[in-house]
Amino acid sequence: MKKILLLSDTHSYIDDQILKFVKQADEVWHAGDIGKLEVTDTIKKLKPLRAVFGNIDNNEARAEFPLDAKFTVENVSVWITHIGGYPNRYNQRIREEIKINSPKIFISGHSHILKVQYDKKLNLLHLNPGAAGNHGFHKVRTMLRFELEKGEIKNLEIIELATRG
Protein backbone atom coordinates (compact mmCIF):
# COMPACT_ATOMS: atom_id res chain seq x y z
CA MET A 1 0.00 0.00 0.00
CA LYS A 2 1.21 3.51 -0.87
CA LYS A 3 -0.05 6.78 0.58
CA ILE A 4 0.00 9.47 -2.11
CA LEU A 5 -0.13 13.25 -1.69
CA LEU A 6 -1.15 15.00 -4.90
CA LEU A 7 -0.60 18.71 -5.37
CA SER A 8 -0.32 21.20 -8.20
CA ASP A 9 0.15 24.86 -9.01
CA THR A 10 2.43 25.76 -6.12
CA HIS A 11 3.80 28.71 -8.12
CA SER A 12 7.01 28.80 -5.99
CA TYR A 13 5.10 28.51 -2.71
CA ILE A 14 5.63 25.88 -0.04
CA ASP A 15 4.95 26.17 3.66
CA ASP A 16 4.82 24.10 6.84
CA GLN A 17 1.17 23.30 6.23
CA ILE A 18 2.01 21.57 2.95
CA LEU A 19 5.09 19.93 4.45
CA LYS A 20 3.05 18.42 7.28
CA PHE A 21 1.10 16.41 4.68
CA VAL A 22 4.25 15.64 2.67
CA LYS A 23 5.71 13.95 5.76
CA GLN A 24 2.61 11.74 6.11
CA ALA A 25 2.80 10.44 2.52
CA ASP A 26 4.86 7.64 1.01
CA GLU A 27 5.12 9.52 -2.30
CA VAL A 28 4.31 13.04 -3.46
CA TRP A 29 3.01 13.78 -6.96
CA HIS A 30 3.10 17.32 -8.39
CA ALA A 31 0.98 18.14 -11.46
CA GLY A 32 2.98 21.15 -12.64
CA ASP A 33 3.38 24.91 -12.30
CA ILE A 34 6.03 24.26 -9.72
CA GLY A 35 7.65 27.67 -9.94
CA LYS A 36 11.00 27.80 -8.17
CA LEU A 37 12.66 24.40 -7.87
CA GLU A 38 13.09 25.05 -4.15
CA VAL A 39 9.55 23.64 -3.90
CA THR A 40 10.43 20.27 -5.42
CA ASP A 41 13.90 20.20 -3.83
CA THR A 42 12.28 20.64 -0.41
CA ILE A 43 9.79 17.84 -1.07
CA LYS A 44 12.51 15.50 -2.44
CA LYS A 45 14.50 15.86 0.79
CA LEU A 46 11.53 14.34 2.62
CA LYS A 47 9.81 11.90 0.25
CA PRO A 48 10.04 10.41 -3.25
CA LEU A 49 8.59 12.83 -5.80
CA ARG A 50 7.03 12.39 -9.23
CA ALA A 51 6.34 15.65 -11.05
CA VAL A 52 5.69 17.24 -14.43
CA PHE A 53 6.43 20.76 -15.57
CA GLY A 54 3.66 23.28 -16.18
CA ASN A 55 3.22 26.25 -18.47
CA ILE A 56 4.80 28.73 -16.02
CA ASP A 57 7.85 26.56 -15.35
CA ASN A 58 11.24 27.66 -16.66
CA ASN A 59 13.88 25.71 -18.60
CA GLU A 60 15.42 24.43 -15.37
CA ALA A 61 12.15 22.73 -14.34
CA ARG A 62 11.59 21.51 -17.91
CA ALA A 63 15.05 19.92 -17.89
CA GLU A 64 14.34 18.10 -14.62
CA PHE A 65 10.70 17.07 -15.12
CA PRO A 66 8.78 15.73 -18.14
CA LEU A 67 5.65 17.08 -19.83
CA ASP A 68 3.92 13.76 -19.11
CA ALA A 69 4.65 11.23 -16.37
CA LYS A 70 3.27 7.74 -16.99
CA PHE A 71 3.91 5.03 -14.45
CA THR A 72 2.31 2.24 -12.42
CA VAL A 73 2.14 2.07 -8.62
CA GLU A 74 0.46 -0.81 -6.78
CA ASN A 75 -0.90 -2.11 -10.11
CA VAL A 76 -2.60 1.25 -10.79
CA SER A 77 -1.61 2.96 -14.05
CA VAL A 78 -1.22 6.72 -13.79
CA TRP A 79 -0.78 9.56 -16.27
CA ILE A 80 0.10 13.04 -14.97
CA THR A 81 0.26 16.10 -17.20
CA HIS A 82 -0.26 19.76 -16.38
CA ILE A 83 -2.76 20.81 -19.05
CA GLY A 84 -4.89 17.76 -19.66
CA GLY A 85 -8.51 18.81 -19.50
CA TYR A 86 -11.14 16.54 -17.97
CA PRO A 87 -13.72 13.95 -19.04
CA ASN A 88 -15.47 14.88 -22.28
CA ARG A 89 -13.13 17.90 -22.60
CA TYR A 90 -9.61 16.46 -22.73
CA ASN A 91 -6.88 18.65 -24.15
CA GLN A 92 -6.42 18.14 -27.88
CA ARG A 93 -2.79 17.03 -27.37
CA ILE A 94 -3.79 13.98 -25.34
CA ARG A 95 -7.33 13.30 -26.60
CA GLU A 96 -6.52 10.42 -28.97
CA GLU A 97 -3.84 8.75 -26.86
CA ILE A 98 -5.99 8.68 -23.72
CA LYS A 99 -8.66 6.77 -25.67
CA ILE A 100 -6.10 4.18 -26.81
CA ASN A 101 -4.00 3.98 -23.61
CA SER A 102 -6.38 4.89 -20.79
CA PRO A 103 -4.73 4.93 -17.37
CA LYS A 104 -6.68 4.04 -14.24
CA ILE A 105 -5.93 7.55 -12.91
CA PHE A 106 -5.52 10.63 -15.10
CA ILE A 107 -4.17 13.70 -13.30
CA SER A 108 -3.92 17.28 -14.46
CA GLY A 109 -3.48 20.67 -12.83
CA HIS A 110 -3.55 24.12 -14.45
CA SER A 111 -7.15 25.18 -13.76
CA HIS A 112 -6.67 25.80 -10.00
CA ILE A 113 -10.07 24.10 -9.63
CA LEU A 114 -10.19 20.96 -7.53
CA LYS A 115 -11.99 18.24 -9.46
CA VAL A 116 -12.56 14.53 -8.85
CA GLN A 117 -14.53 13.02 -11.69
CA TYR A 118 -15.02 9.48 -12.97
CA ASP A 119 -14.91 9.06 -16.75
CA LYS A 120 -17.38 6.26 -17.53
CA LYS A 121 -16.45 6.20 -21.22
CA LEU A 122 -12.75 5.59 -20.60
CA ASN A 123 -13.13 3.85 -17.23
CA LEU A 124 -10.68 6.13 -15.44
CA LEU A 125 -10.61 8.47 -12.47
CA HIS A 126 -9.71 12.07 -13.30
CA LEU A 127 -8.07 14.06 -10.50
CA ASN A 128 -7.16 17.73 -10.35
CA PRO A 129 -5.90 18.71 -6.88
CA GLY A 130 -6.62 22.41 -7.37
CA ALA A 131 -3.83 24.79 -6.34
CA ALA A 132 -1.61 24.52 -3.27
CA GLY A 133 0.10 27.85 -3.88
CA ASN A 134 -0.87 31.45 -3.29
CA HIS A 135 -0.89 32.68 -6.90
CA GLY A 136 -4.14 32.65 -8.87
CA PHE A 137 -7.85 33.28 -8.48
CA HIS A 138 -8.60 30.39 -6.11
CA LYS A 139 -9.60 31.35 -2.57
CA VAL A 140 -8.80 28.08 -0.78
CA ARG A 141 -5.54 26.21 -1.31
CA THR A 142 -6.20 22.51 -1.91
CA MET A 143 -4.50 19.13 -2.36
CA LEU A 144 -5.66 15.52 -2.56
CA ARG A 145 -4.46 12.44 -0.79
CA PHE A 146 -5.33 8.81 -1.31
CA GLU A 147 -4.00 5.30 -1.01
CA LEU A 148 -3.18 2.82 -3.75
CA GLU A 149 -3.29 -0.87 -2.96
CA LYS A 150 -3.36 -3.90 -5.24
CA GLY A 151 -4.97 -2.09 -8.17
CA GLU A 152 -7.42 -0.08 -6.08
CA ILE A 153 -7.74 3.58 -5.14
CA LYS A 154 -8.81 3.98 -1.52
CA ASN A 155 -9.50 6.66 1.09
CA LEU A 156 -9.48 9.64 -1.30
CA GLU A 157 -9.52 12.87 0.71
CA ILE A 158 -9.67 16.55 -0.14
CA ILE A 159 -7.24 18.62 1.90
CA GLU A 160 -8.16 22.27 2.34
CA LEU A 161 -5.25 24.39 3.47
CA ALA A 162 -5.52 27.88 4.90
CA THR A 163 -7.25 30.49 2.80
CA ARG A 164 -4.55 31.91 0.60
CA GLY A 165 -2.69 34.89 1.95
C-alpha atoms as a PDB file:
ATOM      1  CA  MET A   1       0.000   0.000   0.000  1.00  0.00           C
ATOM      2  CA  LYS A   2       1.210   3.511  -0.874  1.00  0.00           C
ATOM      3  CA  LYS A   3      -0.055   6.780   0.577  1.00  0.00           C
ATOM      4  CA  ILE A   4       0.001   9.468  -2.106  1.00  0.00           C
ATOM      5  CA  LEU A   5      -0.133  13.248  -1.685  1.00  0.00           C
ATOM      6  CA  LEU A   6      -1.150  15.001  -4.899  1.00  0.00           C
ATOM      7  CA  LEU A   7      -0.603  18.707  -5.365  1.00  0.00           C
ATOM      8  CA  SER A   8      -0.318  21.197  -8.198  1.00  0.00           C
ATOM      9  CA  ASP A   9       0.147  24.856  -9.007  1.00  0.00           C
ATOM     10  CA  THR A  10       2.425  25.755  -6.118  1.00  0.00           C
ATOM     11  CA  HIS A  11       3.802  28.712  -8.117  1.00  0.00           C
ATOM     12  CA  SER A  12       7.011  28.805  -5.994  1.00  0.00           C
ATOM     13  CA  TYR A  13       5.096  28.513  -2.710  1.00  0.00           C
ATOM     14  CA  ILE A  14       5.629  25.876  -0.044  1.00  0.00           C
ATOM     15  CA  ASP A  15       4.948  26.173   3.665  1.00  0.00           C
ATOM     16  CA  ASP A  16       4.821  24.104   6.845  1.00  0.00           C
ATOM     17  CA  GLN A  17       1.172  23.303   6.232  1.00  0.00           C
ATOM     18  CA  ILE A  18       2.007  21.566   2.946  1.00  0.00           C
ATOM     19  CA  LEU A  19       5.094  19.928   4.445  1.00  0.00           C
ATOM     20  CA  LYS A  20       3.045  18.422   7.283  1.00  0.00           C
ATOM     21  CA  PHE A  21       1.097  16.411   4.680  1.00  0.00           C
ATOM     22  CA  VAL A  22       4.255  15.644   2.666  1.00  0.00           C
ATOM     23  CA  LYS A  23       5.715  13.952   5.757  1.00  0.00           C
ATOM     24  CA  GLN A  24       2.609  11.743   6.113  1.00  0.00           C
ATOM     25  CA  ALA A  25       2.800  10.444   2.520  1.00  0.00           C
ATOM     26  CA  ASP A  26       4.856   7.637   1.008  1.00  0.00           C
ATOM     27  CA  GLU A  27       5.124   9.520  -2.303  1.00  0.00           C
ATOM     28  CA  VAL A  28       4.308  13.039  -3.464  1.00  0.00           C
ATOM     29  CA  TRP A  29       3.013  13.776  -6.965  1.00  0.00           C
ATOM     30  CA  HIS A  30       3.098  17.321  -8.393  1.00  0.00           C
ATOM     31  CA  ALA A  31       0.982  18.138 -11.462  1.00  0.00           C
ATOM     32  CA  GLY A  32       2.977  21.154 -12.643  1.00  0.00           C
ATOM     33  CA  ASP A  33       3.379  24.906 -12.301  1.00  0.00           C
ATOM     34  CA  ILE A  34       6.034  24.259  -9.715  1.00  0.00           C
ATOM     35  CA  GLY A  35       7.646  27.673  -9.941  1.00  0.00           C
ATOM     36  CA  LYS A  36      11.000  27.805  -8.174  1.00  0.00           C
ATOM     37  CA  LEU A  37      12.662  24.401  -7.867  1.00  0.00           C
ATOM     38  CA  GLU A  38      13.094  25.055  -4.145  1.00  0.00           C
ATOM     39  CA  VAL A  39       9.554  23.642  -3.901  1.00  0.00           C
ATOM     40  CA  THR A  40      10.428  20.267  -5.425  1.00  0.00           C
ATOM     41  CA  ASP A  41      13.896  20.199  -3.828  1.00  0.00           C
ATOM     42  CA  THR A  42      12.283  20.640  -0.407  1.00  0.00           C
ATOM     43  CA  ILE A  43       9.794  17.841  -1.075  1.00  0.00           C
ATOM     44  CA  LYS A  44      12.506  15.503  -2.438  1.00  0.00           C
ATOM     45  CA  LYS A  45      14.500  15.856   0.786  1.00  0.00           C
ATOM     46  CA  LEU A  46      11.525  14.344   2.625  1.00  0.00           C
ATOM     47  CA  LYS A  47       9.807  11.902   0.247  1.00  0.00           C
ATOM     48  CA  PRO A  48      10.043  10.405  -3.248  1.00  0.00           C
ATOM     49  CA  LEU A  49       8.588  12.832  -5.805  1.00  0.00           C
ATOM     50  CA  ARG A  50       7.028  12.387  -9.231  1.00  0.00           C
ATOM     51  CA  ALA A  51       6.343  15.653 -11.053  1.00  0.00           C
ATOM     52  CA  VAL A  52       5.685  17.243 -14.429  1.00  0.00           C
ATOM     53  CA  PHE A  53       6.425  20.762 -15.575  1.00  0.00           C
ATOM     54  CA  GLY A  54       3.657  23.280 -16.177  1.00  0.00           C
ATOM     55  CA  ASN A  55       3.217  26.248 -18.467  1.00  0.00           C
ATOM     56  CA  ILE A  56       4.801  28.734 -16.023  1.00  0.00           C
ATOM     57  CA  ASP A  57       7.847  26.561 -15.351  1.00  0.00           C
ATOM     58  CA  ASN A  58      11.238  27.657 -16.657  1.00  0.00           C
ATOM     59  CA  ASN A  59      13.882  25.709 -18.596  1.00  0.00           C
ATOM     60  CA  GLU A  60      15.425  24.431 -15.368  1.00  0.00           C
ATOM     61  CA  ALA A  61      12.153  22.734 -14.344  1.00  0.00           C
ATOM     62  CA  ARG A  62      11.592  21.511 -17.912  1.00  0.00           C
ATOM     63  CA  ALA A  63      15.049  19.920 -17.889  1.00  0.00           C
ATOM     64  CA  GLU A  64      14.344  18.095 -14.623  1.00  0.00           C
ATOM     65  CA  PHE A  65      10.701  17.067 -15.121  1.00  0.00           C
ATOM     66  CA  PRO A  66       8.777  15.727 -18.141  1.00  0.00           C
ATOM     67  CA  LEU A  67       5.653  17.084 -19.833  1.00  0.00           C
ATOM     68  CA  ASP A  68       3.922  13.760 -19.106  1.00  0.00           C
ATOM     69  CA  ALA A  69       4.654  11.228 -16.370  1.00  0.00           C
ATOM     70  CA  LYS A  70       3.269   7.744 -16.993  1.00  0.00           C
ATOM     71  CA  PHE A  71       3.905   5.028 -14.453  1.00  0.00           C
ATOM     72  CA  THR A  72       2.312   2.245 -12.424  1.00  0.00           C
ATOM     73  CA  VAL A  73       2.140   2.070  -8.615  1.00  0.00           C
ATOM     74  CA  GLU A  74       0.463  -0.814  -6.780  1.00  0.00           C
ATOM     75  CA  ASN A  75      -0.904  -2.114 -10.113  1.00  0.00           C
ATOM     76  CA  VAL A  76      -2.597   1.250 -10.786  1.00  0.00           C
ATOM     77  CA  SER A  77      -1.608   2.956 -14.047  1.00  0.00           C
ATOM     78  CA  VAL A  78      -1.216   6.723 -13.786  1.00  0.00           C
ATOM     79  CA  TRP A  79      -0.783   9.558 -16.268  1.00  0.00           C
ATOM     80  CA  ILE A  80       0.096  13.035 -14.974  1.00  0.00           C
ATOM     81  CA  THR A  81       0.255  16.100 -17.198  1.00  0.00           C
ATOM     82  CA  HIS A  82      -0.259  19.764 -16.375  1.00  0.00           C
ATOM     83  CA  ILE A  83      -2.764  20.813 -19.054  1.00  0.00           C
ATOM     84  CA  GLY A  84      -4.895  17.756 -19.663  1.00  0.00           C
ATOM     85  CA  GLY A  85      -8.511  18.810 -19.495  1.00  0.00           C
ATOM     86  CA  TYR A  86     -11.136  16.539 -17.966  1.00  0.00           C
ATOM     87  CA  PRO A  87     -13.723  13.947 -19.035  1.00  0.00           C
ATOM     88  CA  ASN A  88     -15.465  14.879 -22.285  1.00  0.00           C
ATOM     89  CA  ARG A  89     -13.135  17.897 -22.595  1.00  0.00           C
ATOM     90  CA  TYR A  90      -9.615  16.457 -22.734  1.00  0.00           C
ATOM     91  CA  ASN A  91      -6.876  18.651 -24.151  1.00  0.00           C
ATOM     92  CA  GLN A  92      -6.416  18.136 -27.880  1.00  0.00           C
ATOM     93  CA  ARG A  93      -2.785  17.030 -27.369  1.00  0.00           C
ATOM     94  CA  ILE A  94      -3.788  13.978 -25.339  1.00  0.00           C
ATOM     95  CA  ARG A  95      -7.329  13.297 -26.597  1.00  0.00           C
ATOM     96  CA  GLU A  96      -6.520  10.419 -28.973  1.00  0.00           C
ATOM     97  CA  GLU A  97      -3.844   8.754 -26.856  1.00  0.00           C
ATOM     98  CA  ILE A  98      -5.993   8.679 -23.724  1.00  0.00           C
ATOM     99  CA  LYS A  99      -8.655   6.765 -25.666  1.00  0.00           C
ATOM    100  CA  ILE A 100      -6.096   4.181 -26.811  1.00  0.00           C
ATOM    101  CA  ASN A 101      -3.999   3.981 -23.611  1.00  0.00           C
ATOM    102  CA  SER A 102      -6.375   4.887 -20.791  1.00  0.00           C
ATOM    103  CA  PRO A 103      -4.734   4.928 -17.375  1.00  0.00           C
ATOM    104  CA  LYS A 104      -6.678   4.040 -14.244  1.00  0.00           C
ATOM    105  CA  ILE A 105      -5.931   7.555 -12.906  1.00  0.00           C
ATOM    106  CA  PHE A 106      -5.520  10.631 -15.101  1.00  0.00           C
ATOM    107  CA  ILE A 107      -4.166  13.697 -13.300  1.00  0.00           C
ATOM    108  CA  SER A 108      -3.918  17.276 -14.463  1.00  0.00           C
ATOM    109  CA  GLY A 109      -3.479  20.670 -12.831  1.00  0.00           C
ATOM    110  CA  HIS A 110      -3.548  24.118 -14.448  1.00  0.00           C
ATOM    111  CA  SER A 111      -7.152  25.180 -13.757  1.00  0.00           C
ATOM    112  CA  HIS A 112      -6.666  25.803 -10.003  1.00  0.00           C
ATOM    113  CA  ILE A 113     -10.070  24.100  -9.634  1.00  0.00           C
ATOM    114  CA  LEU A 114     -10.188  20.963  -7.535  1.00  0.00           C
ATOM    115  CA  LYS A 115     -11.988  18.235  -9.458  1.00  0.00           C
ATOM    116  CA  VAL A 116     -12.556  14.533  -8.854  1.00  0.00           C
ATOM    117  CA  GLN A 117     -14.530  13.018 -11.694  1.00  0.00           C
ATOM    118  CA  TYR A 118     -15.024   9.481 -12.973  1.00  0.00           C
ATOM    119  CA  ASP A 119     -14.908   9.060 -16.750  1.00  0.00           C
ATOM    120  CA  LYS A 120     -17.378   6.264 -17.532  1.00  0.00           C
ATOM    121  CA  LYS A 121     -16.452   6.197 -21.221  1.00  0.00           C
ATOM    122  CA  LEU A 122     -12.751   5.592 -20.603  1.00  0.00           C
ATOM    123  CA  ASN A 123     -13.132   3.851 -17.229  1.00  0.00           C
ATOM    124  CA  LEU A 124     -10.683   6.133 -15.444  1.00  0.00           C
ATOM    125  CA  LEU A 125     -10.610   8.470 -12.466  1.00  0.00           C
ATOM    126  CA  HIS A 126      -9.709  12.072 -13.301  1.00  0.00           C
ATOM    127  CA  LEU A 127      -8.070  14.057 -10.503  1.00  0.00           C
ATOM    128  CA  ASN A 128      -7.156  17.727 -10.350  1.00  0.00           C
ATOM    129  CA  PRO A 129      -5.901  18.711  -6.882  1.00  0.00           C
ATOM    130  CA  GLY A 130      -6.622  22.414  -7.372  1.00  0.00           C
ATOM    131  CA  ALA A 131      -3.829  24.789  -6.343  1.00  0.00           C
ATOM    132  CA  ALA A 132      -1.614  24.522  -3.268  1.00  0.00           C
ATOM    133  CA  GLY A 133       0.103  27.846  -3.880  1.00  0.00           C
ATOM    134  CA  ASN A 134      -0.869  31.454  -3.290  1.00  0.00           C
ATOM    135  CA  HIS A 135      -0.885  32.681  -6.899  1.00  0.00           C
ATOM    136  CA  GLY A 136      -4.139  32.652  -8.869  1.00  0.00           C
ATOM    137  CA  PHE A 137      -7.851  33.277  -8.480  1.00  0.00           C
ATOM    138  CA  HIS A 138      -8.600  30.391  -6.110  1.00  0.00           C
ATOM    139  CA  LYS A 139      -9.595  31.349  -2.575  1.00  0.00           C
ATOM    140  CA  VAL A 140      -8.797  28.082  -0.778  1.00  0.00           C
ATOM    141  CA  ARG A 141      -5.537  26.213  -1.309  1.00  0.00           C
ATOM    142  CA  THR A 142      -6.197  22.507  -1.912  1.00  0.00           C
ATOM    143  CA  MET A 143      -4.500  19.133  -2.360  1.00  0.00           C
ATOM    144  CA  LEU A 144      -5.659  15.519  -2.555  1.00  0.00           C
ATOM    145  CA  ARG A 145      -4.457  12.437  -0.792  1.00  0.00           C
ATOM    146  CA  PHE A 146      -5.326   8.814  -1.314  1.00  0.00           C
ATOM    147  CA  GLU A 147      -4.001   5.295  -1.014  1.00  0.00           C
ATOM    148  CA  LEU A 148      -3.184   2.823  -3.751  1.00  0.00           C
ATOM    149  CA  GLU A 149      -3.291  -0.867  -2.956  1.00  0.00           C
ATOM    150  CA  LYS A 150      -3.358  -3.902  -5.243  1.00  0.00           C
ATOM    151  CA  GLY A 151      -4.965  -2.092  -8.173  1.00  0.00           C
ATOM    152  CA  GLU A 152      -7.417  -0.082  -6.083  1.00  0.00           C
ATOM    153  CA  ILE A 153      -7.737   3.580  -5.139  1.00  0.00           C
ATOM    154  CA  LYS A 154      -8.811   3.983  -1.517  1.00  0.00           C
ATOM    155  CA  ASN A 155      -9.499   6.664   1.088  1.00  0.00           C
ATOM    156  CA  LEU A 156      -9.483   9.636  -1.297  1.00  0.00           C
ATOM    157  CA  GLU A 157      -9.517  12.870   0.714  1.00  0.00           C
ATOM    158  CA  ILE A 158      -9.673  16.553  -0.144  1.00  0.00           C
ATOM    159  CA  ILE A 159      -7.242  18.621   1.896  1.00  0.00           C
ATOM    160  CA  GLU A 160      -8.163  22.268   2.341  1.00  0.00           C
ATOM    161  CA  LEU A 161      -5.250  24.386   3.469  1.00  0.00           C
ATOM    162  CA  ALA A 162      -5.517  27.876   4.898  1.00  0.00           C
ATOM    163  CA  THR A 163      -7.249  30.487   2.797  1.00  0.00           C
ATOM    164  CA  ARG A 164      -4.547  31.910   0.598  1.00  0.00           C
ATOM    165  CA  GLY A 165      -2.685  34.887   1.946  1.00  0.00           C
END
